[in-house]
Amino acid sequence: MNRIKWSMGLFNTLFIHFFVGLAVAMLMVKWTWLDMRTNAGAIIPALLMISGFVYLINTKVRIYQTLYWQRPLAIILVAASGVVIALTNSFNSLHMQIVPASTVRAGFFLKNITLNQINVWVGIVFLIGIVSYVIYHKLQTSIDNDDTRSTLKGTKRIIILTVMYTVFIILIMYMVQPGIRYFINSLIGI
C-alpha cells in the first residue's frame, strides 16, 4: 500500500506542476518580448523535474513536514492554472486548442507530434490526474500517518534547499533561454 501511495503522490506532484508550469508558460507567451527570446514551454519540464526531485528527496530526507501540493486544497493550484490558461487565451476555444498545445510541444521538443495529439494527451493526463488526486487524498486520510521521521532543521535544511533551488534556477535558465543552452552545449561539445 505504501508503494501505491508513494507512486500516486509522485504522479500528483507531476500532474499539479504540469498545469502550473503550463499556466506560467502561457503568461510568458503573452509577453511578446519574453516569448520571442525564450522557449516559454520549457518551463514545464523544468518545473516537473524540480518538483519531482523535491518529492523524491522529501520521501528520503524530510525537508518539509508536508509539501504544499500534498495538502487537500492543492487542487486549487490546478483550478487557478486552468483559469490563467483560459484568461491568457481570451476564453477563445480556437486559441485554447492551439496555443497551449503548441507551448507544450515546444517545451518538450516534440516537433513530430501534431497539436491534436498533444491536446488528447493533455486531456488524458488531466482526467487521470483528477481521479488520481481524489484517490490519493482518500488514501492519505484513511491510512494512519506512520511516518515518524523528524523534519530537518537548521543548517542541513538550508544547505539542501540552497543547492536544490540553485540547480532549479540554472536548469530554468538552460532550458528556457536558447542562447544559454547553445553556449553550454558548445562548451561541453554536444
N, C-alpha and C. Protein backbone atom coordinates (compact mmCIF):
# COMPACT_ATOMS: atom_id res chain seq x y z
N MET A 1 0.81 -1.20 0.00
CA MET A 1 0.00 0.00 0.00
C MET A 1 0.86 1.27 0.00
N ASN A 2 2.02 1.21 0.68
CA ASN A 2 2.88 2.38 0.71
C ASN A 2 3.46 2.71 -0.66
N ARG A 3 3.77 1.68 -1.46
CA ARG A 3 4.30 1.92 -2.80
C ARG A 3 3.24 2.57 -3.69
N ILE A 4 2.01 2.12 -3.56
CA ILE A 4 0.92 2.71 -4.34
C ILE A 4 0.74 4.17 -3.94
N LYS A 5 0.72 4.42 -2.65
CA LYS A 5 0.57 5.79 -2.17
C LYS A 5 1.74 6.66 -2.62
N TRP A 6 2.95 6.13 -2.55
CA TRP A 6 4.13 6.87 -2.99
C TRP A 6 4.05 7.18 -4.48
N SER A 7 3.68 6.18 -5.29
CA SER A 7 3.56 6.38 -6.74
C SER A 7 2.48 7.39 -7.08
N MET A 8 1.37 7.32 -6.38
CA MET A 8 0.29 8.28 -6.63
C MET A 8 0.71 9.68 -6.19
N GLY A 9 1.48 9.76 -5.11
CA GLY A 9 1.99 11.06 -4.68
C GLY A 9 2.92 11.67 -5.71
N LEU A 10 3.78 10.84 -6.30
CA LEU A 10 4.68 11.32 -7.35
C LEU A 10 3.89 11.76 -8.58
N PHE A 11 2.90 10.96 -8.97
CA PHE A 11 2.08 11.33 -10.12
C PHE A 11 1.33 12.63 -9.86
N ASN A 12 0.78 12.79 -8.65
CA ASN A 12 0.08 14.03 -8.31
C ASN A 12 1.02 15.22 -8.33
N THR A 13 2.24 15.02 -7.87
CA THR A 13 3.24 16.09 -7.93
C THR A 13 3.45 16.53 -9.37
N LEU A 14 3.63 15.56 -10.25
CA LEU A 14 3.87 15.88 -11.66
C LEU A 14 2.61 16.45 -12.32
N PHE A 15 1.45 15.92 -11.96
CA PHE A 15 0.18 16.40 -12.52
C PHE A 15 -0.06 17.87 -12.17
N ILE A 16 0.06 18.20 -10.91
CA ILE A 16 -0.19 19.57 -10.47
C ILE A 16 0.83 20.52 -11.10
N HIS A 17 2.09 20.13 -11.10
CA HIS A 17 3.12 21.03 -11.63
C HIS A 17 3.12 21.12 -13.14
N PHE A 18 2.57 20.13 -13.83
CA PHE A 18 2.41 20.25 -15.28
C PHE A 18 1.47 21.42 -15.58
N PHE A 19 0.35 21.48 -14.89
CA PHE A 19 -0.61 22.54 -15.17
C PHE A 19 -0.16 23.89 -14.62
N VAL A 20 0.55 23.89 -13.50
CA VAL A 20 1.13 25.15 -13.01
C VAL A 20 2.18 25.65 -13.99
N GLY A 21 3.03 24.75 -14.49
CA GLY A 21 4.03 25.12 -15.47
C GLY A 21 3.42 25.62 -16.77
N LEU A 22 2.31 24.99 -17.19
CA LEU A 22 1.63 25.44 -18.41
C LEU A 22 1.06 26.84 -18.20
N ALA A 23 0.52 27.10 -17.03
CA ALA A 23 -0.02 28.44 -16.75
C ALA A 23 1.09 29.49 -16.76
N VAL A 24 2.22 29.18 -16.15
CA VAL A 24 3.36 30.11 -16.16
C VAL A 24 3.85 30.31 -17.59
N ALA A 25 3.92 29.23 -18.36
CA ALA A 25 4.35 29.34 -19.75
C ALA A 25 3.36 30.18 -20.56
N MET A 26 2.07 30.06 -20.29
CA MET A 26 1.08 30.86 -21.01
C MET A 26 1.25 32.34 -20.68
N LEU A 27 1.57 32.64 -19.43
CA LEU A 27 1.84 34.03 -19.07
C LEU A 27 3.09 34.54 -19.79
N MET A 28 4.10 33.68 -19.91
CA MET A 28 5.31 34.07 -20.62
C MET A 28 5.04 34.28 -22.11
N VAL A 29 4.18 33.45 -22.69
CA VAL A 29 3.82 33.58 -24.10
C VAL A 29 3.08 34.89 -24.35
N LYS A 30 2.26 35.31 -23.40
CA LYS A 30 1.51 36.55 -23.55
C LYS A 30 2.42 37.77 -23.61
N TRP A 31 3.57 37.70 -22.98
CA TRP A 31 4.52 38.80 -23.01
C TRP A 31 5.39 38.60 -24.25
N THR A 32 5.09 39.32 -25.30
CA THR A 32 5.70 39.12 -26.61
C THR A 32 7.22 39.22 -26.56
N TRP A 33 7.73 40.22 -25.86
CA TRP A 33 9.18 40.40 -25.78
C TRP A 33 9.84 39.15 -25.21
N LEU A 34 9.28 38.62 -24.13
CA LEU A 34 9.84 37.43 -23.48
C LEU A 34 9.64 36.20 -24.35
N ASP A 35 8.50 36.11 -25.01
CA ASP A 35 8.21 34.95 -25.84
C ASP A 35 9.16 34.86 -27.03
N MET A 36 9.56 35.99 -27.57
CA MET A 36 10.46 35.99 -28.73
C MET A 36 11.89 35.58 -28.34
N ARG A 37 12.24 35.71 -27.08
CA ARG A 37 13.61 35.45 -26.66
C ARG A 37 13.79 34.15 -25.87
N THR A 38 12.69 33.49 -25.57
CA THR A 38 12.78 32.28 -24.76
C THR A 38 11.91 31.18 -25.35
N ASN A 39 12.13 29.99 -24.86
CA ASN A 39 11.23 28.87 -25.13
C ASN A 39 10.36 28.75 -23.88
N ALA A 40 9.24 29.45 -23.88
CA ALA A 40 8.40 29.52 -22.69
C ALA A 40 7.91 28.15 -22.25
N GLY A 41 7.67 27.27 -23.19
CA GLY A 41 7.17 25.94 -22.84
C GLY A 41 8.17 25.11 -22.07
N ALA A 42 9.45 25.45 -22.16
CA ALA A 42 10.48 24.68 -21.45
C ALA A 42 10.38 24.84 -19.94
N ILE A 43 9.60 25.81 -19.49
CA ILE A 43 9.38 25.95 -18.05
C ILE A 43 8.63 24.73 -17.50
N ILE A 44 7.83 24.08 -18.35
CA ILE A 44 7.04 22.93 -17.90
C ILE A 44 7.95 21.76 -17.51
N PRO A 45 8.81 21.26 -18.42
CA PRO A 45 9.67 20.15 -17.98
C PRO A 45 10.64 20.54 -16.86
N ALA A 46 11.09 21.80 -16.83
CA ALA A 46 11.97 22.23 -15.74
C ALA A 46 11.23 22.15 -14.41
N LEU A 47 9.99 22.61 -14.39
CA LEU A 47 9.20 22.57 -13.16
C LEU A 47 8.86 21.12 -12.77
N LEU A 48 8.61 20.28 -13.75
CA LEU A 48 8.36 18.86 -13.47
C LEU A 48 9.59 18.20 -12.86
N MET A 49 10.77 18.52 -13.40
CA MET A 49 11.99 17.92 -12.88
C MET A 49 12.26 18.34 -11.44
N ILE A 50 12.15 19.64 -11.18
CA ILE A 50 12.49 20.10 -9.83
C ILE A 50 11.43 19.66 -8.82
N SER A 51 10.14 19.68 -9.19
CA SER A 51 9.11 19.24 -8.23
C SER A 51 9.21 17.74 -7.98
N GLY A 52 9.50 16.97 -9.02
CA GLY A 52 9.70 15.53 -8.83
C GLY A 52 10.91 15.27 -7.94
N PHE A 53 11.97 16.03 -8.15
CA PHE A 53 13.17 15.89 -7.34
C PHE A 53 12.89 16.25 -5.88
N VAL A 54 12.16 17.33 -5.65
CA VAL A 54 11.80 17.73 -4.28
C VAL A 54 10.97 16.63 -3.62
N TYR A 55 10.02 16.06 -4.37
CA TYR A 55 9.20 14.98 -3.82
C TYR A 55 10.06 13.78 -3.45
N LEU A 56 10.97 13.39 -4.35
CA LEU A 56 11.82 12.23 -4.09
C LEU A 56 12.74 12.48 -2.88
N ILE A 57 13.34 13.66 -2.83
CA ILE A 57 14.21 13.99 -1.70
C ILE A 57 13.40 14.00 -0.40
N ASN A 58 12.19 14.57 -0.46
CA ASN A 58 11.38 14.67 0.76
C ASN A 58 10.92 13.30 1.25
N THR A 59 10.84 12.30 0.37
CA THR A 59 10.49 10.97 0.84
C THR A 59 11.66 10.27 1.52
N LYS A 60 12.89 10.66 1.18
CA LYS A 60 14.07 10.06 1.81
C LYS A 60 14.53 10.86 3.03
N VAL A 61 14.64 12.17 2.86
CA VAL A 61 15.08 13.06 3.93
C VAL A 61 13.98 14.09 4.10
N ARG A 62 13.40 14.15 5.24
CA ARG A 62 12.24 15.02 5.47
C ARG A 62 12.66 16.48 5.51
N ILE A 63 12.48 17.18 4.38
CA ILE A 63 12.81 18.60 4.32
C ILE A 63 11.62 19.42 4.80
N TYR A 64 10.45 19.04 4.32
CA TYR A 64 9.21 19.72 4.69
C TYR A 64 8.29 18.72 5.39
N GLN A 65 7.55 19.18 6.37
CA GLN A 65 6.58 18.31 7.03
C GLN A 65 5.55 17.81 6.02
N THR A 66 4.96 18.74 5.27
CA THR A 66 4.02 18.41 4.20
C THR A 66 4.32 19.34 3.04
N LEU A 67 4.51 18.78 1.87
CA LEU A 67 4.71 19.60 0.68
C LEU A 67 3.41 20.31 0.35
N TYR A 68 3.48 21.54 -0.14
CA TYR A 68 2.26 22.31 -0.34
C TYR A 68 1.32 21.64 -1.32
N TRP A 69 1.82 20.88 -2.26
CA TRP A 69 0.94 20.25 -3.24
C TRP A 69 0.37 18.93 -2.74
N GLN A 70 0.75 18.49 -1.55
CA GLN A 70 0.17 17.28 -0.97
C GLN A 70 -0.99 17.59 -0.03
N ARG A 71 -1.26 18.82 0.16
CA ARG A 71 -2.38 19.19 1.02
C ARG A 71 -3.68 19.06 0.24
N PRO A 72 -4.79 18.83 0.93
CA PRO A 72 -6.07 18.62 0.23
C PRO A 72 -6.51 19.78 -0.66
N LEU A 73 -6.15 21.00 -0.33
CA LEU A 73 -6.59 22.14 -1.13
C LEU A 73 -5.67 22.44 -2.31
N ALA A 74 -4.72 21.55 -2.58
CA ALA A 74 -3.79 21.77 -3.69
C ALA A 74 -4.47 21.74 -5.04
N ILE A 75 -5.66 21.19 -5.12
CA ILE A 75 -6.39 21.17 -6.39
C ILE A 75 -6.72 22.60 -6.83
N ILE A 76 -6.68 23.52 -5.87
CA ILE A 76 -6.89 24.94 -6.21
C ILE A 76 -5.79 25.41 -7.16
N LEU A 77 -4.57 24.87 -7.02
CA LEU A 77 -3.49 25.22 -7.95
C LEU A 77 -3.86 24.84 -9.38
N VAL A 78 -4.45 23.66 -9.55
CA VAL A 78 -4.84 23.22 -10.89
C VAL A 78 -5.98 24.10 -11.41
N ALA A 79 -6.94 24.40 -10.54
CA ALA A 79 -8.06 25.25 -10.96
C ALA A 79 -7.57 26.65 -11.32
N ALA A 80 -6.70 27.21 -10.50
CA ALA A 80 -6.16 28.55 -10.79
C ALA A 80 -5.33 28.52 -12.08
N SER A 81 -4.61 27.44 -12.29
CA SER A 81 -3.84 27.31 -13.54
C SER A 81 -4.78 27.26 -14.74
N GLY A 82 -5.88 26.54 -14.60
CA GLY A 82 -6.87 26.48 -15.67
C GLY A 82 -7.45 27.85 -15.98
N VAL A 83 -7.72 28.63 -14.94
CA VAL A 83 -8.24 29.99 -15.14
C VAL A 83 -7.20 30.86 -15.85
N VAL A 84 -5.94 30.76 -15.43
CA VAL A 84 -4.88 31.55 -16.08
C VAL A 84 -4.73 31.14 -17.54
N ILE A 85 -4.77 29.83 -17.82
CA ILE A 85 -4.67 29.37 -19.20
C ILE A 85 -5.83 29.89 -20.03
N ALA A 86 -7.04 29.85 -19.47
CA ALA A 86 -8.21 30.36 -20.19
C ALA A 86 -8.13 31.87 -20.38
N LEU A 87 -7.71 32.58 -19.36
CA LEU A 87 -7.60 34.05 -19.47
C LEU A 87 -6.55 34.47 -20.50
N THR A 88 -5.43 33.80 -20.51
CA THR A 88 -4.38 34.18 -21.46
C THR A 88 -4.77 33.85 -22.89
N ASN A 89 -5.74 32.98 -23.06
CA ASN A 89 -6.24 32.65 -24.40
C ASN A 89 -7.58 33.31 -24.68
N SER A 90 -7.95 34.29 -23.88
CA SER A 90 -9.16 35.09 -24.05
C SER A 90 -10.43 34.25 -24.11
N PHE A 91 -10.45 33.12 -23.44
CA PHE A 91 -11.60 32.20 -23.42
C PHE A 91 -12.04 31.82 -24.83
N ASN A 92 -11.14 31.88 -25.79
CA ASN A 92 -11.43 31.55 -27.18
C ASN A 92 -11.09 30.07 -27.39
N SER A 93 -12.07 29.28 -27.82
CA SER A 93 -11.86 27.84 -27.94
C SER A 93 -10.81 27.50 -28.99
N LEU A 94 -10.74 28.28 -30.06
CA LEU A 94 -9.72 28.02 -31.07
C LEU A 94 -8.32 28.28 -30.52
N HIS A 95 -8.17 29.35 -29.77
CA HIS A 95 -6.88 29.63 -29.13
C HIS A 95 -6.54 28.53 -28.12
N MET A 96 -7.55 28.06 -27.39
CA MET A 96 -7.33 27.03 -26.38
C MET A 96 -6.88 25.71 -27.00
N GLN A 97 -7.23 25.47 -28.25
CA GLN A 97 -6.82 24.24 -28.91
C GLN A 97 -5.41 24.36 -29.49
N ILE A 98 -4.96 25.57 -29.76
CA ILE A 98 -3.68 25.75 -30.45
C ILE A 98 -2.55 26.20 -29.52
N VAL A 99 -2.76 27.27 -28.79
CA VAL A 99 -1.64 27.89 -28.05
C VAL A 99 -1.09 26.98 -26.93
N PRO A 100 -1.93 26.42 -26.04
CA PRO A 100 -1.34 25.54 -25.02
C PRO A 100 -0.65 24.31 -25.61
N ALA A 101 -1.26 23.71 -26.63
CA ALA A 101 -0.65 22.53 -27.24
C ALA A 101 0.67 22.89 -27.92
N SER A 102 0.71 24.03 -28.57
CA SER A 102 1.95 24.49 -29.20
C SER A 102 3.02 24.76 -28.16
N THR A 103 2.63 25.32 -27.04
CA THR A 103 3.57 25.60 -25.96
C THR A 103 4.13 24.31 -25.38
N VAL A 104 3.25 23.32 -25.16
CA VAL A 104 3.69 22.02 -24.64
C VAL A 104 4.62 21.35 -25.65
N ARG A 105 4.25 21.39 -26.91
CA ARG A 105 5.08 20.76 -27.95
C ARG A 105 6.47 21.40 -28.01
N ALA A 106 6.53 22.72 -27.93
CA ALA A 106 7.83 23.41 -27.95
C ALA A 106 8.61 23.13 -26.68
N GLY A 107 7.92 23.08 -25.55
CA GLY A 107 8.60 22.89 -24.27
C GLY A 107 9.23 21.52 -24.13
N PHE A 108 8.58 20.50 -24.67
CA PHE A 108 9.11 19.14 -24.58
C PHE A 108 9.87 18.74 -25.85
N PHE A 109 10.04 19.70 -26.77
CA PHE A 109 10.78 19.48 -28.02
C PHE A 109 10.19 18.32 -28.82
N LEU A 110 8.86 18.32 -28.99
CA LEU A 110 8.14 17.27 -29.72
C LEU A 110 7.71 17.80 -31.09
N LYS A 111 8.62 17.94 -32.00
CA LYS A 111 8.32 18.56 -33.29
C LYS A 111 7.48 17.68 -34.21
N ASN A 112 7.54 16.37 -34.06
CA ASN A 112 6.87 15.46 -34.97
C ASN A 112 5.45 15.08 -34.52
N ILE A 113 4.97 15.64 -33.45
CA ILE A 113 3.65 15.31 -32.93
C ILE A 113 2.70 16.46 -33.25
N THR A 114 1.49 16.12 -33.70
CA THR A 114 0.52 17.16 -34.06
C THR A 114 -0.09 17.78 -32.81
N LEU A 115 -0.66 18.96 -33.00
CA LEU A 115 -1.31 19.65 -31.88
C LEU A 115 -2.52 18.87 -31.36
N ASN A 116 -3.24 18.20 -32.26
CA ASN A 116 -4.38 17.39 -31.82
C ASN A 116 -3.94 16.24 -30.92
N GLN A 117 -2.84 15.59 -31.27
CA GLN A 117 -2.32 14.51 -30.43
C GLN A 117 -1.91 15.04 -29.06
N ILE A 118 -1.30 16.20 -29.03
CA ILE A 118 -0.91 16.79 -27.74
C ILE A 118 -2.14 17.14 -26.93
N ASN A 119 -3.17 17.69 -27.57
CA ASN A 119 -4.41 18.00 -26.85
C ASN A 119 -5.04 16.75 -26.26
N VAL A 120 -5.01 15.64 -27.00
CA VAL A 120 -5.55 14.38 -26.48
C VAL A 120 -4.75 13.94 -25.26
N TRP A 121 -3.42 13.99 -25.35
CA TRP A 121 -2.59 13.57 -24.21
C TRP A 121 -2.78 14.48 -22.99
N VAL A 122 -2.90 15.78 -23.22
CA VAL A 122 -3.13 16.69 -22.10
C VAL A 122 -4.49 16.39 -21.46
N GLY A 123 -5.49 16.10 -22.27
CA GLY A 123 -6.81 15.73 -21.74
C GLY A 123 -6.77 14.44 -20.93
N ILE A 124 -6.04 13.45 -21.44
CA ILE A 124 -5.90 12.18 -20.72
C ILE A 124 -5.18 12.39 -19.39
N VAL A 125 -4.09 13.15 -19.43
CA VAL A 125 -3.34 13.44 -18.19
C VAL A 125 -4.24 14.17 -17.19
N PHE A 126 -5.05 15.11 -17.69
CA PHE A 126 -5.94 15.86 -16.80
C PHE A 126 -6.96 14.93 -16.14
N LEU A 127 -7.60 14.07 -16.92
CA LEU A 127 -8.62 13.17 -16.36
C LEU A 127 -8.01 12.17 -15.38
N ILE A 128 -6.91 11.55 -15.78
CA ILE A 128 -6.25 10.60 -14.88
C ILE A 128 -5.73 11.33 -13.64
N GLY A 129 -5.22 12.53 -13.82
CA GLY A 129 -4.71 13.31 -12.69
C GLY A 129 -5.78 13.66 -11.67
N ILE A 130 -6.96 14.05 -12.15
CA ILE A 130 -8.06 14.37 -11.21
C ILE A 130 -8.48 13.13 -10.44
N VAL A 131 -8.64 12.00 -11.14
CA VAL A 131 -9.02 10.76 -10.47
C VAL A 131 -7.94 10.34 -9.47
N SER A 132 -6.70 10.42 -9.89
CA SER A 132 -5.58 10.07 -9.02
C SER A 132 -5.52 10.99 -7.80
N TYR A 133 -5.78 12.27 -8.02
CA TYR A 133 -5.77 13.23 -6.92
C TYR A 133 -6.80 12.86 -5.86
N VAL A 134 -8.01 12.54 -6.31
CA VAL A 134 -9.09 12.18 -5.38
C VAL A 134 -8.73 10.90 -4.62
N ILE A 135 -8.26 9.88 -5.35
CA ILE A 135 -7.90 8.62 -4.70
C ILE A 135 -6.74 8.82 -3.73
N TYR A 136 -5.74 9.58 -4.14
CA TYR A 136 -4.58 9.81 -3.28
C TYR A 136 -4.99 10.47 -1.96
N HIS A 137 -5.86 11.47 -2.04
CA HIS A 137 -6.24 12.14 -0.80
C HIS A 137 -7.19 11.31 0.05
N LYS A 138 -7.94 10.41 -0.56
CA LYS A 138 -8.72 9.46 0.24
C LYS A 138 -7.79 8.48 0.94
N LEU A 139 -6.76 8.00 0.24
CA LEU A 139 -5.77 7.13 0.85
C LEU A 139 -5.02 7.84 1.97
N GLN A 140 -4.69 9.09 1.74
CA GLN A 140 -3.92 9.85 2.72
C GLN A 140 -4.71 10.05 4.01
N THR A 141 -6.01 10.24 3.91
CA THR A 141 -6.81 10.43 5.12
C THR A 141 -7.20 9.11 5.77
N SER A 142 -7.27 8.01 4.98
CA SER A 142 -7.70 6.75 5.57
C SER A 142 -6.55 5.96 6.19
N ILE A 143 -5.32 6.20 5.74
CA ILE A 143 -4.17 5.49 6.28
C ILE A 143 -3.56 6.32 7.39
N ASP A 144 -3.27 5.67 8.50
CA ASP A 144 -2.61 6.38 9.60
C ASP A 144 -1.25 6.84 9.13
N ASN A 145 -0.89 8.03 9.52
CA ASN A 145 0.41 8.56 9.14
C ASN A 145 1.47 7.97 10.05
N ASP A 146 2.13 6.90 9.56
CA ASP A 146 3.12 6.21 10.37
C ASP A 146 4.54 6.73 10.14
N ASP A 147 4.65 7.85 9.48
CA ASP A 147 5.96 8.44 9.22
C ASP A 147 6.43 9.18 10.47
N THR A 148 7.42 8.61 11.11
CA THR A 148 7.90 9.19 12.37
C THR A 148 9.18 9.99 12.19
N ARG A 149 9.62 10.15 10.95
CA ARG A 149 10.85 10.92 10.72
C ARG A 149 10.62 12.37 11.12
N SER A 150 11.65 12.97 11.67
CA SER A 150 11.53 14.38 12.02
C SER A 150 11.98 15.23 10.84
N THR A 151 11.42 16.42 10.77
CA THR A 151 11.76 17.34 9.70
C THR A 151 13.13 17.93 9.97
N LEU A 152 13.94 18.03 8.89
CA LEU A 152 15.27 18.63 9.03
C LEU A 152 15.15 20.07 9.50
N LYS A 153 16.06 20.48 10.31
CA LYS A 153 16.09 21.85 10.81
C LYS A 153 17.48 22.41 10.62
N GLY A 154 17.58 23.72 10.64
CA GLY A 154 18.87 24.39 10.69
C GLY A 154 19.70 24.32 9.44
N THR A 155 21.00 24.14 9.65
CA THR A 155 21.99 24.26 8.58
C THR A 155 21.81 23.21 7.49
N LYS A 156 21.54 21.96 7.85
CA LYS A 156 21.37 20.91 6.85
C LYS A 156 20.23 21.25 5.90
N ARG A 157 19.13 21.70 6.44
CA ARG A 157 17.97 22.05 5.62
C ARG A 157 18.30 23.23 4.70
N ILE A 158 18.97 24.24 5.23
CA ILE A 158 19.33 25.41 4.43
C ILE A 158 20.27 25.01 3.29
N ILE A 159 21.24 24.14 3.57
CA ILE A 159 22.17 23.70 2.54
C ILE A 159 21.43 22.93 1.44
N ILE A 160 20.58 21.99 1.82
CA ILE A 160 19.84 21.20 0.82
C ILE A 160 18.95 22.11 -0.02
N LEU A 161 18.21 23.00 0.62
CA LEU A 161 17.31 23.89 -0.12
C LEU A 161 18.09 24.86 -1.02
N THR A 162 19.22 25.36 -0.55
CA THR A 162 20.03 26.27 -1.37
C THR A 162 20.55 25.57 -2.61
N VAL A 163 21.04 24.36 -2.45
CA VAL A 163 21.54 23.61 -3.61
C VAL A 163 20.39 23.30 -4.57
N MET A 164 19.25 22.83 -4.03
CA MET A 164 18.12 22.48 -4.88
C MET A 164 17.62 23.66 -5.69
N TYR A 165 17.44 24.80 -5.06
CA TYR A 165 16.88 25.94 -5.77
C TYR A 165 17.91 26.63 -6.67
N THR A 166 19.19 26.50 -6.36
CA THR A 166 20.22 26.99 -7.28
C THR A 166 20.22 26.14 -8.55
N VAL A 167 20.13 24.83 -8.39
CA VAL A 167 20.05 23.93 -9.54
C VAL A 167 18.78 24.23 -10.33
N PHE A 168 17.68 24.52 -9.66
CA PHE A 168 16.43 24.85 -10.33
C PHE A 168 16.58 26.11 -11.19
N ILE A 169 17.21 27.13 -10.66
CA ILE A 169 17.39 28.37 -11.42
C ILE A 169 18.29 28.13 -12.63
N ILE A 170 19.38 27.38 -12.44
CA ILE A 170 20.27 27.08 -13.56
C ILE A 170 19.54 26.23 -14.60
N LEU A 171 18.76 25.27 -14.15
CA LEU A 171 18.00 24.42 -15.07
C LEU A 171 17.00 25.24 -15.88
N ILE A 172 16.32 26.15 -15.24
CA ILE A 172 15.36 27.00 -15.97
C ILE A 172 16.10 27.87 -16.98
N MET A 173 17.21 28.48 -16.57
CA MET A 173 17.97 29.31 -17.50
C MET A 173 18.45 28.48 -18.69
N TYR A 174 18.91 27.26 -18.44
CA TYR A 174 19.40 26.40 -19.51
C TYR A 174 18.27 26.00 -20.45
N MET A 175 17.14 25.60 -19.90
CA MET A 175 16.06 25.08 -20.74
C MET A 175 15.28 26.18 -21.45
N VAL A 176 15.09 27.31 -20.80
CA VAL A 176 14.22 28.35 -21.34
C VAL A 176 14.96 29.29 -22.28
N GLN A 177 16.20 29.57 -22.00
CA GLN A 177 16.94 30.56 -22.79
C GLN A 177 17.82 29.84 -23.84
N PRO A 178 17.45 29.91 -25.12
CA PRO A 178 18.22 29.20 -26.15
C PRO A 178 19.68 29.64 -26.24
N GLY A 179 19.99 30.91 -26.01
CA GLY A 179 21.37 31.38 -26.07
C GLY A 179 22.25 30.72 -25.03
N ILE A 180 21.74 30.60 -23.81
CA ILE A 180 22.50 29.95 -22.74
C ILE A 180 22.65 28.47 -23.04
N ARG A 181 21.58 27.84 -23.54
CA ARG A 181 21.64 26.41 -23.89
C ARG A 181 22.69 26.17 -24.98
N TYR A 182 22.71 27.02 -26.00
CA TYR A 182 23.68 26.88 -27.08
C TYR A 182 25.11 27.06 -26.55
N PHE A 183 25.32 28.05 -25.69
CA PHE A 183 26.63 28.32 -25.12
C PHE A 183 27.12 27.13 -24.30
N ILE A 184 26.28 26.61 -23.42
CA ILE A 184 26.69 25.48 -22.57
C ILE A 184 26.92 24.23 -23.42
N ASN A 185 26.05 23.98 -24.39
CA ASN A 185 26.23 22.82 -25.26
C ASN A 185 27.52 22.91 -26.07
N SER A 186 27.87 24.12 -26.52
CA SER A 186 29.12 24.25 -27.28
C SER A 186 30.34 24.09 -26.37
N LEU A 187 30.22 24.49 -25.09
CA LEU A 187 31.33 24.30 -24.16
C LEU A 187 31.61 22.84 -23.88
N ILE A 188 30.53 22.06 -23.73
CA ILE A 188 30.74 20.65 -23.39
C ILE A 188 30.79 19.74 -24.62
N GLY A 189 30.60 20.34 -25.80
CA GLY A 189 30.77 19.60 -27.04
C GLY A 189 29.57 18.78 -27.49
N ILE A 190 28.38 19.21 -27.12
CA ILE A 190 27.17 18.49 -27.57
C ILE A 190 26.74 19.04 -28.90
